[in-house]
Amino acid sequence: MTNIIAIIIQLLSGALGGYGAGSLLKKLSLGSTWNSIIGILGGGLGGQILGWLGIGTGDGGLDLSSIIGSILGGGVGGGVLLSIIGFIKSLLGKK
């Protein structure tokens, strides 16, 4: 049950990370809805990758370090994935 809560935290923080990255990097923004959707995907991926590496998520419980790790992993993952996809989109849009 605690793994589900960690995933939910990662997805929510990923949405915020994607939205924040889109707000800061206007040229890479895909619109607030797509920024959030891509952030959710990036948050899930970022949190899971950090979990596989054994960093950031602690033991998967509800202690403070696990929650902070999930928030950071999800937020950074969402921002990074949005930046990558926005950059690719901007390259494809140039003629």
Protein backbone atom coordinates (compact mmCIF):
# COMPACT_ATOMS: atom_id res chain seq x y z
CA MET A 1 0.00 0.00 0.00
CA THR A 2 2.82 2.42 0.73
CA ASN A 3 4.28 1.90 -2.76
CA ILE A 4 1.01 3.16 -4.24
CA ILE A 5 1.24 6.30 -2.12
CA ALA A 6 4.85 6.83 -3.24
CA ILE A 7 3.78 6.48 -6.89
CA ILE A 8 0.91 8.94 -6.41
CA ILE A 9 3.33 11.44 -4.84
CA GLN A 10 5.74 10.96 -7.75
CA LEU A 11 3.00 11.48 -10.34
CA LEU A 12 1.65 14.61 -8.66
CA SER A 13 5.09 16.11 -8.20
CA GLY A 14 5.89 15.18 -11.81
CA ALA A 15 2.85 17.15 -12.97
CA LEU A 16 4.05 20.13 -10.94
CA GLY A 17 7.60 19.67 -12.25
CA GLY A 18 6.42 19.57 -15.86
CA TYR A 19 4.18 22.59 -15.36
CA GLY A 20 6.99 24.48 -13.63
CA ALA A 21 9.51 23.62 -16.33
CA GLY A 22 7.07 24.78 -18.99
CA SER A 23 6.54 28.04 -17.11
CA LEU A 24 10.27 28.67 -16.75
CA LEU A 25 11.29 27.51 -20.23
CA LYS A 26 8.71 29.22 -22.46
CA LYS A 27 10.36 28.08 -25.70
CA LEU A 28 10.00 24.43 -24.66
CA SER A 29 6.47 24.74 -23.29
CA LEU A 30 3.75 22.62 -24.87
CA GLY A 31 0.85 24.33 -23.13
CA SER A 32 -0.22 23.86 -19.54
CA THR A 33 -2.22 20.67 -20.17
CA TRP A 34 0.53 18.90 -22.12
CA ASN A 35 3.19 20.17 -19.73
CA SER A 36 1.29 18.52 -16.88
CA ILE A 37 0.62 15.27 -18.79
CA ILE A 38 4.25 14.88 -19.83
CA GLY A 39 5.28 15.84 -16.30
CA ILE A 40 3.11 13.03 -14.91
CA LEU A 41 4.82 10.54 -17.21
CA GLY A 42 8.26 11.91 -16.36
CA GLY A 43 7.45 11.92 -12.65
CA GLY A 44 6.52 8.25 -12.75
CA LEU A 45 9.61 7.36 -14.75
CA GLY A 46 11.96 9.52 -12.70
CA GLY A 47 10.68 8.16 -9.40
CA GLN A 48 10.91 4.57 -10.58
CA ILE A 49 14.42 4.99 -11.98
CA LEU A 50 15.61 6.48 -8.71
CA GLY A 51 13.95 3.60 -6.86
CA TRP A 52 15.72 1.03 -9.04
CA LEU A 53 19.02 2.78 -8.39
CA GLY A 54 18.29 2.74 -4.66
CA ILE A 55 18.48 6.49 -4.21
CA GLY A 56 15.84 9.02 -3.32
CA THR A 57 12.92 6.85 -2.26
CA GLY A 58 14.29 5.32 0.93
CA ASP A 59 12.62 2.03 1.81
CA GLY A 60 9.32 2.97 0.16
CA GLY A 61 7.64 3.75 3.47
CA LEU A 62 5.95 6.89 4.64
CA ASP A 63 8.93 8.36 6.47
CA LEU A 64 10.08 11.87 5.67
CA SER A 65 13.09 10.86 3.56
CA SER A 66 10.95 8.62 1.35
CA ILE A 67 8.36 11.32 0.81
CA ILE A 68 11.00 13.96 0.00
CA GLY A 69 12.76 11.51 -2.32
CA SER A 70 9.51 10.80 -4.14
CA ILE A 71 8.75 14.49 -4.50
CA LEU A 72 12.22 15.33 -5.79
CA GLY A 73 12.43 12.31 -8.09
CA GLY A 74 9.01 12.97 -9.55
CA GLY A 75 9.49 16.72 -9.93
CA VAL A 76 12.89 16.45 -11.54
CA GLY A 77 11.76 13.59 -13.78
CA GLY A 78 8.77 15.60 -14.96
CA GLY A 79 10.85 18.67 -15.68
CA VAL A 80 13.56 16.73 -17.49
CA LEU A 81 11.13 14.77 -19.69
CA LEU A 82 9.25 17.95 -20.61
CA SER A 83 12.54 19.66 -21.50
CA ILE A 84 13.61 16.75 -23.70
CA ILE A 85 10.28 16.51 -25.52
CA GLY A 86 10.02 20.30 -25.89
CA PHE A 87 13.55 20.44 -27.32
CA ILE A 88 12.78 17.67 -29.82
CA LYS A 89 9.55 19.43 -30.80
CA SER A 90 11.38 22.70 -31.35
CA LEU A 91 13.96 20.95 -33.54
CA LEU A 92 11.27 19.29 -35.64
CA GLY A 93 9.39 22.57 -35.97
CA LYS A 94 12.33 24.37 -37.62
CA LYS A 95 12.45 24.31 -41.40
